[in-house]
């Protein structure tokens, strides 16, 4: 069974702007690999003197077996981010719009 889900993420503890740009490229690759590249926005914001990569779904996406996919996606997000910025930390927030009525 599939579920409609939305998510946002934050990648913090990025060393500098160059690494933040590299994190964005890595995460765009992940989104392409997951076939959701056109449905997820990713960008860089400055917070307290540091670079933070943020992103999320532009609208809910349909995911089969989301109870398995979501934890694996979180692991992949962290892995891709650390490929570009080894000190990066990731946080993902999930929402399930169909269950919020």
C-alpha atoms as a PDB file:
ATOM      1  CA  UNK A   1       0.000   0.000   0.000  1.00  0.00           C
ATOM      2  CA  UNK A   2       1.214   3.500  -0.721  1.00  0.00           C
ATOM      3  CA  UNK A   3       0.914   6.615   1.391  1.00  0.00           C
ATOM      4  CA  UNK A   4       1.079  10.304   0.592  1.00  0.00           C
ATOM      5  CA  UNK A   5       3.894  11.883   2.559  1.00  0.00           C
ATOM      6  CA  UNK A   6       5.620  15.227   2.817  1.00  0.00           C
ATOM      7  CA  UNK A   7       8.972  15.927   4.381  1.00  0.00           C
ATOM      8  CA  UNK A   8      11.384  18.710   5.183  1.00  0.00           C
ATOM      9  CA  UNK A   9      15.034  18.348   6.081  1.00  0.00           C
ATOM     10  CA  UNK A  10      17.910  20.376   7.503  1.00  0.00           C
ATOM     11  CA  UNK A  11      21.589  19.637   7.145  1.00  0.00           C
ATOM     12  CA  UNK A  12      23.709  21.530   9.663  1.00  0.00           C
ATOM     13  CA  UNK A  13      27.348  21.581  10.842  1.00  0.00           C
ATOM     14  CA  UNK A  14      28.601  22.258   7.323  1.00  0.00           C
ATOM     15  CA  UNK A  15      32.123  23.648   7.285  1.00  0.00           C
ATOM     16  CA  UNK A  16      31.819  26.333   4.586  1.00  0.00           C
ATOM     17  CA  UNK A  17      29.901  27.552   1.534  1.00  0.00           C
ATOM     18  CA  UNK A  18      31.771  25.268  -0.864  1.00  0.00           C
ATOM     19  CA  UNK A  19      30.803  22.209   1.126  1.00  0.00           C
ATOM     20  CA  UNK A  20      27.219  23.462   1.404  1.00  0.00           C
ATOM     21  CA  UNK A  21      27.029  23.693  -2.395  1.00  0.00           C
ATOM     22  CA  UNK A  22      28.478  20.190  -2.634  1.00  0.00           C
ATOM     23  CA  UNK A  23      25.844  18.915  -0.171  1.00  0.00           C
ATOM     24  CA  UNK A  24      23.121  20.427  -2.370  1.00  0.00           C
ATOM     25  CA  UNK A  25      24.499  18.593  -5.411  1.00  0.00           C
ATOM     26  CA  UNK A  26      24.750  15.307  -3.519  1.00  0.00           C
ATOM     27  CA  UNK A  27      21.180  15.618  -2.260  1.00  0.00           C
ATOM     28  CA  UNK A  28      19.903  16.475  -5.745  1.00  0.00           C
ATOM     29  CA  UNK A  29      21.528  13.237  -6.894  1.00  0.00           C
ATOM     30  CA  UNK A  30      19.744  11.347  -4.102  1.00  0.00           C
ATOM     31  CA  UNK A  31      16.405  12.851  -5.101  1.00  0.00           C
ATOM     32  CA  UNK A  32      17.009  11.838  -8.727  1.00  0.00           C
ATOM     33  CA  UNK A  33      17.938   8.320  -7.581  1.00  0.00           C
ATOM     34  CA  UNK A  34      14.679   8.161  -5.603  1.00  0.00           C
ATOM     35  CA  UNK A  35      12.695   9.450  -8.619  1.00  0.00           C
ATOM     36  CA  UNK A  36      11.492  12.519  -6.716  1.00  0.00           C
ATOM     37  CA  UNK A  37      13.964  15.064  -8.077  1.00  0.00           C
ATOM     38  CA  UNK A  38      11.268  17.245  -9.605  1.00  0.00           C
ATOM     39  CA  UNK A  39       9.222  17.240  -6.418  1.00  0.00           C
ATOM     40  CA  UNK A  40      11.809  18.388  -3.865  1.00  0.00           C
ATOM     41  CA  UNK A  41      13.278  21.874  -3.427  1.00  0.00           C
ATOM     42  CA  UNK A  42      16.776  22.225  -1.948  1.00  0.00           C
ATOM     43  CA  UNK A  43      18.651  25.382  -0.996  1.00  0.00           C
ATOM     44  CA  UNK A  44      21.221  27.005   1.268  1.00  0.00           C
ATOM     45  CA  UNK A  45      20.458  29.458   4.049  1.00  0.00           C
ATOM     46  CA  UNK A  46      22.782  31.324   6.394  1.00  0.00           C
ATOM     47  CA  UNK A  47      22.058  30.880  10.074  1.00  0.00           C
ATOM     48  CA  UNK A  48      24.190  32.282  12.866  1.00  0.00           C
ATOM     49  CA  UNK A  49      27.194  32.584  10.595  1.00  0.00           C
ATOM     50  CA  UNK A  50      26.943  29.030   9.266  1.00  0.00           C
ATOM     51  CA  UNK A  51      25.582  27.425   6.144  1.00  0.00           C
ATOM     52  CA  UNK A  52      22.532  25.188   6.401  1.00  0.00           C
ATOM     53  CA  UNK A  53      21.097  23.129   3.568  1.00  0.00           C
ATOM     54  CA  UNK A  54      17.327  22.910   3.730  1.00  0.00           C
ATOM     55  CA  UNK A  55      14.721  21.311   1.572  1.00  0.00           C
ATOM     56  CA  UNK A  56      11.500  19.464   1.316  1.00  0.00           C
ATOM     57  CA  UNK A  57       8.704  18.255  -0.858  1.00  0.00           C
ATOM     58  CA  UNK A  58       6.838  20.866  -2.872  1.00  0.00           C
ATOM     59  CA  UNK A  59       3.679  18.775  -2.451  1.00  0.00           C
ATOM     60  CA  UNK A  60       2.942  15.313  -1.017  1.00  0.00           C
ATOM     61  CA  UNK A  61       4.536  12.377  -2.818  1.00  0.00           C
ATOM     62  CA  UNK A  62       3.124   8.872  -3.025  1.00  0.00           C
ATOM     63  CA  UNK A  63       5.440   6.253  -1.547  1.00  0.00           C
ATOM     64  CA  UNK A  64       4.894   2.515  -1.500  1.00  0.00           C
ATOM     65  CA  UNK A  65       5.777   0.793   1.766  1.00  0.00           C
ATOM     66  CA  UNK A  66       6.534   4.127   3.401  1.00  0.00           C
ATOM     67  CA  UNK A  67       7.133   2.456   6.781  1.00  0.00           C
ATOM     68  CA  UNK A  68      10.251   0.898   5.188  1.00  0.00           C
ATOM     69  CA  UNK A  69      11.141   3.672   2.767  1.00  0.00           C
ATOM     70  CA  UNK A  70      11.201   6.560   5.264  1.00  0.00           C
ATOM     71  CA  UNK A  71      13.924   5.166   7.585  1.00  0.00           C
ATOM     72  CA  UNK A  72      16.049   4.125   4.594  1.00  0.00           C
ATOM     73  CA  UNK A  73      15.619   7.552   3.017  1.00  0.00           C
ATOM     74  CA  UNK A  74      16.799   9.211   6.236  1.00  0.00           C
ATOM     75  CA  UNK A  75      19.919   7.019   6.249  1.00  0.00           C
ATOM     76  CA  UNK A  76      20.578   7.800   2.597  1.00  0.00           C
ATOM     77  CA  UNK A  77      20.109  11.530   3.154  1.00  0.00           C
ATOM     78  CA  UNK A  78      22.709  11.481   5.933  1.00  0.00           C
ATOM     79  CA  UNK A  79      25.111   9.378   3.877  1.00  0.00           C
ATOM     80  CA  UNK A  80      24.880  11.625   0.798  1.00  0.00           C
ATOM     81  CA  UNK A  81      25.298  14.769   2.913  1.00  0.00           C
ATOM     82  CA  UNK A  82      28.368  13.366   4.677  1.00  0.00           C
ATOM     83  CA  UNK A  83      29.933  12.501   1.332  1.00  0.00           C
ATOM     84  CA  UNK A  84      30.251  16.245   0.737  1.00  0.00           C
ATOM     85  CA  UNK A  85      30.575  17.471   4.336  1.00  0.00           C
ATOM     86  CA  UNK A  86      31.826  14.804   6.764  1.00  0.00           C
ATOM     87  CA  UNK A  87      30.763  16.774   9.847  1.00  0.00           C
ATOM     88  CA  UNK A  88      27.183  17.289   8.590  1.00  0.00           C
ATOM     89  CA  UNK A  89      24.209  16.354  10.733  1.00  0.00           C
ATOM     90  CA  UNK A  90      20.758  15.752   9.276  1.00  0.00           C
ATOM     91  CA  UNK A  91      17.222  16.000  10.577  1.00  0.00           C
ATOM     92  CA  UNK A  92      14.071  15.008   8.690  1.00  0.00           C
ATOM     93  CA  UNK A  93      10.492  15.879   9.633  1.00  0.00           C
ATOM     94  CA  UNK A  94       7.680  13.811   8.136  1.00  0.00           C
ATOM     95  CA  UNK A  95       4.018  14.590   7.684  1.00  0.00           C
ATOM     96  CA  UNK A  96       1.179  12.476   6.411  1.00  0.00           C
ATOM     97  CA  UNK A  97      -1.427  14.835   4.919  1.00  0.00           C
ATOM     98  CA  UNK A  98      -4.080  12.129   4.449  1.00  0.00           C
ATOM     99  CA  UNK A  99      -4.019  11.403   8.184  1.00  0.00           C
ATOM    100  CA  UNK A 100      -4.289  15.072   9.216  1.00  0.00           C
ATOM    101  CA  UNK A 101      -7.990  15.472   8.314  1.00  0.00           C
END
